[in-house]
């Protein structure tokens, strides 16, 4: 990921919450959804997003040959050369029989080098 984000604001359903460092609000991610049922849910989302986006992560672009039943969705985990990554973006191109992926390093529970 090119830049880490230090502050996240979540709002919707009449609730709002923030996570991370509010002094860095100029480096903010705003998430809005009508599906937030209560204040605790909004706070949990804000804290989780702030934790995820505040860490510097390695980034990799990959192209995968399409096979029947193969699917890549955001936040799926994949392994490349023994390292785990999250699928951050995926683009399925059936005409070319391939998936184009942007992967972010999974910093949790990585094997030792």
N, C-alpha and C. Protein backbone atom coordinates (compact mmCIF):
# COMPACT_ATOMS: atom_id res chain seq x y z
N UNK A 1 0.86 -1.16 0.00
CA UNK A 1 0.00 0.00 0.00
C UNK A 1 0.90 1.22 0.00
N UNK A 2 0.64 2.13 -0.89
CA UNK A 2 1.50 3.30 -1.04
C UNK A 2 1.59 4.11 0.24
N UNK A 3 0.47 4.31 0.90
CA UNK A 3 0.45 5.14 2.11
C UNK A 3 -0.37 4.45 3.18
N UNK A 4 0.08 4.57 4.42
CA UNK A 4 -0.72 4.10 5.55
C UNK A 4 -1.68 5.23 5.94
N UNK A 5 -2.84 4.86 6.37
CA UNK A 5 -3.82 5.83 6.84
C UNK A 5 -3.88 5.73 8.35
N UNK A 6 -3.98 6.86 9.02
CA UNK A 6 -3.89 6.87 10.47
C UNK A 6 -5.22 7.14 11.17
N UNK A 7 -6.26 7.49 10.43
CA UNK A 7 -7.53 7.85 11.05
C UNK A 7 -8.68 7.39 10.17
N UNK A 8 -9.69 6.79 10.80
CA UNK A 8 -10.87 6.29 10.08
C UNK A 8 -12.12 6.80 10.76
N UNK A 9 -13.07 7.28 9.96
CA UNK A 9 -14.38 7.69 10.45
C UNK A 9 -15.44 6.81 9.81
N UNK A 10 -16.31 6.24 10.63
CA UNK A 10 -17.41 5.40 10.16
C UNK A 10 -18.71 6.06 10.56
N UNK A 11 -19.65 6.17 9.62
CA UNK A 11 -20.95 6.78 9.95
C UNK A 11 -22.07 6.09 9.17
N UNK A 12 -23.25 6.19 9.74
CA UNK A 12 -24.44 5.64 9.09
C UNK A 12 -25.43 5.13 10.11
N UNK A 13 -26.68 5.03 9.69
CA UNK A 13 -27.72 4.53 10.58
C UNK A 13 -27.91 5.39 11.81
N UNK A 14 -27.50 6.66 11.74
CA UNK A 14 -27.62 7.56 12.88
C UNK A 14 -26.47 7.46 13.87
N UNK A 15 -25.41 6.71 13.52
CA UNK A 15 -24.28 6.52 14.42
C UNK A 15 -22.99 6.97 13.72
N UNK A 16 -22.02 7.36 14.52
CA UNK A 16 -20.70 7.74 13.98
C UNK A 16 -19.64 7.36 15.00
N UNK A 17 -18.46 6.98 14.50
CA UNK A 17 -17.35 6.62 15.36
C UNK A 17 -16.06 6.87 14.61
N UNK A 18 -14.98 7.01 15.36
CA UNK A 18 -13.68 7.17 14.71
C UNK A 18 -12.66 6.27 15.40
N UNK A 19 -11.66 5.90 14.62
CA UNK A 19 -10.59 5.07 15.14
C UNK A 19 -9.27 5.60 14.65
N UNK A 20 -8.23 5.35 15.41
CA UNK A 20 -6.91 5.85 15.03
C UNK A 20 -6.62 7.18 15.66
N UNK A 21 -5.66 7.89 15.10
CA UNK A 21 -5.20 9.15 15.65
C UNK A 21 -5.96 10.33 15.04
N UNK A 22 -6.82 11.00 15.82
CA UNK A 22 -7.59 12.12 15.27
C UNK A 22 -6.73 13.33 14.90
N UNK A 23 -5.51 13.40 15.43
CA UNK A 23 -4.62 14.50 15.05
C UNK A 23 -4.15 14.38 13.61
N UNK A 24 -4.37 13.21 13.01
CA UNK A 24 -3.98 13.00 11.62
C UNK A 24 -5.22 12.91 10.72
N UNK A 25 -6.23 13.69 11.06
CA UNK A 25 -7.50 13.62 10.34
C UNK A 25 -7.37 14.03 8.88
N UNK A 26 -6.31 14.76 8.51
CA UNK A 26 -6.13 15.10 7.11
C UNK A 26 -5.78 13.85 6.30
N UNK A 27 -5.35 12.80 6.98
CA UNK A 27 -5.01 11.53 6.35
C UNK A 27 -6.10 10.52 6.71
N UNK A 28 -7.34 10.86 6.38
CA UNK A 28 -8.51 10.16 6.88
C UNK A 28 -9.16 9.28 5.83
N UNK A 29 -9.76 8.19 6.26
CA UNK A 29 -10.65 7.38 5.43
C UNK A 29 -12.04 7.55 6.02
N UNK A 30 -13.02 7.90 5.18
CA UNK A 30 -14.41 8.03 5.61
C UNK A 30 -15.20 6.87 5.03
N UNK A 31 -15.91 6.15 5.91
CA UNK A 31 -16.75 5.03 5.49
C UNK A 31 -18.18 5.35 5.90
N UNK A 32 -19.09 5.31 4.94
CA UNK A 32 -20.50 5.58 5.23
C UNK A 32 -21.34 4.39 4.76
N UNK A 33 -22.29 3.98 5.59
CA UNK A 33 -23.16 2.86 5.25
C UNK A 33 -24.47 2.99 6.01
N UNK A 34 -25.55 2.62 5.37
CA UNK A 34 -26.85 2.59 6.05
C UNK A 34 -27.04 1.30 6.83
N UNK A 35 -26.07 0.41 6.79
CA UNK A 35 -26.20 -0.90 7.42
C UNK A 35 -25.55 -0.98 8.81
N UNK A 36 -25.26 0.15 9.42
CA UNK A 36 -24.66 0.16 10.75
C UNK A 36 -25.78 0.16 11.79
N UNK A 37 -25.91 -0.93 12.56
CA UNK A 37 -27.07 -1.08 13.45
C UNK A 37 -26.96 -0.34 14.79
N UNK A 38 -25.74 -0.05 15.26
CA UNK A 38 -25.61 0.60 16.56
C UNK A 38 -24.22 1.23 16.71
N UNK A 39 -24.04 1.98 17.79
CA UNK A 39 -22.78 2.69 18.01
C UNK A 39 -21.60 1.73 18.21
N UNK A 40 -21.82 0.61 18.88
CA UNK A 40 -20.74 -0.35 19.13
C UNK A 40 -20.24 -0.94 17.81
N UNK A 41 -21.13 -1.20 16.90
CA UNK A 41 -20.76 -1.73 15.59
C UNK A 41 -19.93 -0.70 14.82
N UNK A 42 -20.36 0.55 14.85
CA UNK A 42 -19.63 1.63 14.18
C UNK A 42 -18.22 1.75 14.76
N UNK A 43 -18.10 1.69 16.09
CA UNK A 43 -16.79 1.81 16.73
C UNK A 43 -15.90 0.63 16.38
N UNK A 44 -16.47 -0.56 16.38
CA UNK A 44 -15.69 -1.74 16.03
C UNK A 44 -15.16 -1.65 14.60
N UNK A 45 -16.01 -1.21 13.67
CA UNK A 45 -15.56 -1.04 12.29
C UNK A 45 -14.44 -0.01 12.20
N UNK A 46 -14.61 1.12 12.87
CA UNK A 46 -13.60 2.17 12.83
C UNK A 46 -12.27 1.67 13.39
N UNK A 47 -12.31 0.96 14.50
CA UNK A 47 -11.07 0.45 15.10
C UNK A 47 -10.39 -0.57 14.20
N UNK A 48 -11.17 -1.49 13.62
CA UNK A 48 -10.59 -2.52 12.76
C UNK A 48 -9.98 -1.93 11.49
N UNK A 49 -10.70 -1.01 10.85
CA UNK A 49 -10.17 -0.37 9.65
C UNK A 49 -8.91 0.46 9.98
N UNK A 50 -8.94 1.17 11.09
CA UNK A 50 -7.76 1.96 11.48
C UNK A 50 -6.56 1.05 11.71
N UNK A 51 -6.78 -0.08 12.36
CA UNK A 51 -5.69 -1.02 12.60
C UNK A 51 -5.13 -1.55 11.28
N UNK A 52 -6.02 -1.94 10.37
CA UNK A 52 -5.58 -2.51 9.10
C UNK A 52 -4.82 -1.49 8.25
N UNK A 53 -5.35 -0.29 8.12
CA UNK A 53 -4.77 0.70 7.21
C UNK A 53 -3.61 1.49 7.82
N UNK A 54 -3.38 1.38 9.13
CA UNK A 54 -2.30 2.15 9.74
C UNK A 54 -0.94 1.47 9.60
N UNK A 55 -0.91 0.24 9.12
CA UNK A 55 0.34 -0.50 8.99
C UNK A 55 0.86 -0.44 7.55
N UNK A 56 2.14 -0.22 7.42
CA UNK A 56 2.75 -0.29 6.10
C UNK A 56 2.77 -1.74 5.64
N UNK A 57 2.28 -2.01 4.47
CA UNK A 57 2.20 -3.37 3.95
C UNK A 57 2.85 -3.44 2.57
N UNK A 58 3.51 -4.55 2.31
CA UNK A 58 4.03 -4.78 0.97
C UNK A 58 2.87 -4.94 0.00
N UNK A 59 3.08 -4.52 -1.21
CA UNK A 59 2.04 -4.58 -2.24
C UNK A 59 2.58 -5.33 -3.44
N UNK A 60 1.70 -6.09 -4.09
CA UNK A 60 2.10 -6.86 -5.26
C UNK A 60 0.96 -6.90 -6.26
N UNK A 61 1.28 -6.76 -7.53
CA UNK A 61 0.31 -6.97 -8.59
C UNK A 61 0.55 -8.37 -9.14
N UNK A 62 -0.55 -9.08 -9.45
CA UNK A 62 -0.43 -10.45 -9.95
C UNK A 62 -1.49 -10.69 -11.02
N UNK A 63 -1.15 -11.55 -11.94
CA UNK A 63 -2.11 -12.01 -12.96
C UNK A 63 -2.19 -13.52 -12.80
N UNK A 64 -3.43 -14.04 -12.68
CA UNK A 64 -3.65 -15.46 -12.46
C UNK A 64 -4.50 -15.99 -13.60
N UNK A 65 -4.11 -17.14 -14.15
CA UNK A 65 -4.88 -17.78 -15.22
C UNK A 65 -6.19 -18.27 -14.63
N UNK A 66 -7.28 -17.95 -15.32
CA UNK A 66 -8.62 -18.33 -14.85
C UNK A 66 -8.83 -19.84 -15.03
N UNK A 67 -9.47 -20.43 -14.04
CA UNK A 67 -9.86 -21.84 -14.09
C UNK A 67 -11.29 -21.94 -13.60
N UNK A 68 -12.04 -22.97 -14.01
CA UNK A 68 -13.42 -23.11 -13.54
C UNK A 68 -13.49 -23.11 -12.01
N UNK A 69 -14.39 -22.33 -11.49
CA UNK A 69 -14.59 -22.26 -10.04
C UNK A 69 -13.64 -21.34 -9.31
N UNK A 70 -12.66 -20.77 -10.00
CA UNK A 70 -11.71 -19.87 -9.36
C UNK A 70 -12.35 -18.51 -9.14
N UNK A 71 -12.16 -17.96 -7.94
CA UNK A 71 -12.74 -16.67 -7.61
C UNK A 71 -11.85 -15.96 -6.62
N UNK A 72 -11.67 -14.66 -6.82
CA UNK A 72 -10.90 -13.83 -5.90
C UNK A 72 -11.76 -12.65 -5.50
N UNK A 73 -11.99 -12.50 -4.21
CA UNK A 73 -12.79 -11.40 -3.69
C UNK A 73 -11.94 -10.60 -2.72
N UNK A 74 -12.23 -9.29 -2.58
CA UNK A 74 -11.47 -8.49 -1.62
C UNK A 74 -11.47 -9.11 -0.23
N UNK A 75 -10.30 -9.08 0.38
CA UNK A 75 -9.99 -9.60 1.71
C UNK A 75 -9.84 -11.11 1.75
N UNK A 76 -9.96 -11.82 0.60
CA UNK A 76 -9.55 -13.22 0.56
C UNK A 76 -8.05 -13.26 0.80
N UNK A 77 -7.57 -14.36 1.34
CA UNK A 77 -6.13 -14.51 1.52
C UNK A 77 -5.59 -15.46 0.44
N UNK A 78 -4.41 -15.14 -0.06
CA UNK A 78 -3.72 -15.99 -1.02
C UNK A 78 -2.27 -16.14 -0.57
N UNK A 79 -1.61 -17.19 -1.01
CA UNK A 79 -0.21 -17.43 -0.68
C UNK A 79 0.61 -17.32 -1.96
N UNK A 80 1.66 -16.51 -1.91
CA UNK A 80 2.58 -16.34 -3.03
C UNK A 80 4.00 -16.54 -2.49
N UNK A 81 4.69 -17.51 -3.04
CA UNK A 81 6.07 -17.81 -2.61
C UNK A 81 6.17 -17.97 -1.09
N UNK A 82 5.20 -18.63 -0.50
CA UNK A 82 5.22 -18.90 0.93
C UNK A 82 4.78 -17.74 1.81
N UNK A 83 4.40 -16.61 1.24
CA UNK A 83 3.95 -15.43 2.00
C UNK A 83 2.46 -15.23 1.77
N UNK A 84 1.76 -14.83 2.83
CA UNK A 84 0.32 -14.59 2.71
C UNK A 84 0.04 -13.14 2.37
N UNK A 85 -0.95 -12.96 1.51
CA UNK A 85 -1.40 -11.64 1.09
C UNK A 85 -2.91 -11.59 1.14
N UNK A 86 -3.45 -10.38 1.31
CA UNK A 86 -4.88 -10.13 1.15
C UNK A 86 -5.13 -9.70 -0.29
N UNK A 87 -6.25 -10.13 -0.86
CA UNK A 87 -6.68 -9.58 -2.13
C UNK A 87 -7.28 -8.21 -1.83
N UNK A 88 -6.67 -7.17 -2.37
CA UNK A 88 -7.15 -5.81 -2.14
C UNK A 88 -8.07 -5.37 -3.27
N UNK A 89 -7.72 -5.72 -4.50
CA UNK A 89 -8.56 -5.45 -5.67
C UNK A 89 -8.48 -6.65 -6.58
N UNK A 90 -9.59 -6.97 -7.24
CA UNK A 90 -9.57 -8.06 -8.22
C UNK A 90 -10.39 -7.67 -9.43
N UNK A 91 -9.90 -8.07 -10.59
CA UNK A 91 -10.59 -7.79 -11.85
C UNK A 91 -10.60 -9.06 -12.67
N UNK A 92 -11.79 -9.62 -12.87
CA UNK A 92 -11.92 -10.84 -13.64
C UNK A 92 -12.13 -10.47 -15.10
N UNK A 93 -11.25 -10.98 -15.96
CA UNK A 93 -11.34 -10.71 -17.39
C UNK A 93 -11.54 -12.03 -18.14
N UNK A 94 -12.79 -12.48 -18.25
CA UNK A 94 -13.06 -13.78 -18.89
C UNK A 94 -12.56 -13.85 -20.33
N UNK A 95 -12.61 -12.76 -21.07
CA UNK A 95 -12.17 -12.79 -22.47
C UNK A 95 -10.69 -13.15 -22.58
N UNK A 96 -9.89 -12.77 -21.57
CA UNK A 96 -8.47 -13.11 -21.56
C UNK A 96 -8.17 -14.33 -20.69
N UNK A 97 -9.21 -14.92 -20.11
CA UNK A 97 -9.04 -16.06 -19.19
C UNK A 97 -8.06 -15.76 -18.07
N UNK A 98 -8.25 -14.60 -17.42
CA UNK A 98 -7.33 -14.26 -16.33
C UNK A 98 -7.98 -13.36 -15.29
N UNK A 99 -7.35 -13.35 -14.14
CA UNK A 99 -7.67 -12.44 -13.04
C UNK A 99 -6.49 -11.50 -12.88
N UNK A 100 -6.77 -10.23 -12.71
CA UNK A 100 -5.74 -9.25 -12.37
C UNK A 100 -5.97 -8.87 -10.90
N UNK A 101 -4.93 -9.01 -10.09
CA UNK A 101 -5.07 -8.81 -8.64
C UNK A 101 -4.09 -7.77 -8.13
N UNK A 102 -4.53 -7.00 -7.14
CA UNK A 102 -3.64 -6.17 -6.33
C UNK A 102 -3.66 -6.81 -4.95
N UNK A 103 -2.50 -7.18 -4.46
CA UNK A 103 -2.37 -7.90 -3.19
C UNK A 103 -1.65 -7.03 -2.17
N UNK A 104 -2.11 -7.10 -0.92
CA UNK A 104 -1.45 -6.43 0.20
C UNK A 104 -0.94 -7.47 1.17
N UNK A 105 0.25 -7.27 1.67
CA UNK A 105 0.87 -8.21 2.58
C UNK A 105 0.02 -8.41 3.84
N UNK A 106 -0.17 -9.66 4.22
CA UNK A 106 -0.83 -10.01 5.47
C UNK A 106 0.25 -10.04 6.55
N UNK A 107 0.20 -9.11 7.48
CA UNK A 107 1.26 -8.98 8.48
C UNK A 107 1.08 -9.91 9.68
N UNK A 108 -0.04 -10.58 9.77
CA UNK A 108 -0.31 -11.46 10.91
C UNK A 108 0.17 -12.87 10.64
N UNK A 109 0.80 -13.47 11.62
CA UNK A 109 1.16 -14.88 11.59
C UNK A 109 1.92 -15.30 10.34
N UNK A 110 2.84 -14.49 9.89
CA UNK A 110 3.66 -14.87 8.74
C UNK A 110 4.73 -15.85 9.20
N UNK A 111 5.10 -16.80 8.33
CA UNK A 111 6.19 -17.70 8.70
C UNK A 111 7.50 -16.93 8.79
N UNK A 112 8.41 -17.42 9.58
CA UNK A 112 9.72 -16.77 9.71
C UNK A 112 10.50 -16.97 8.41
N UNK A 113 11.27 -15.94 8.00
CA UNK A 113 12.05 -16.07 6.75
C UNK A 113 13.14 -17.12 6.87
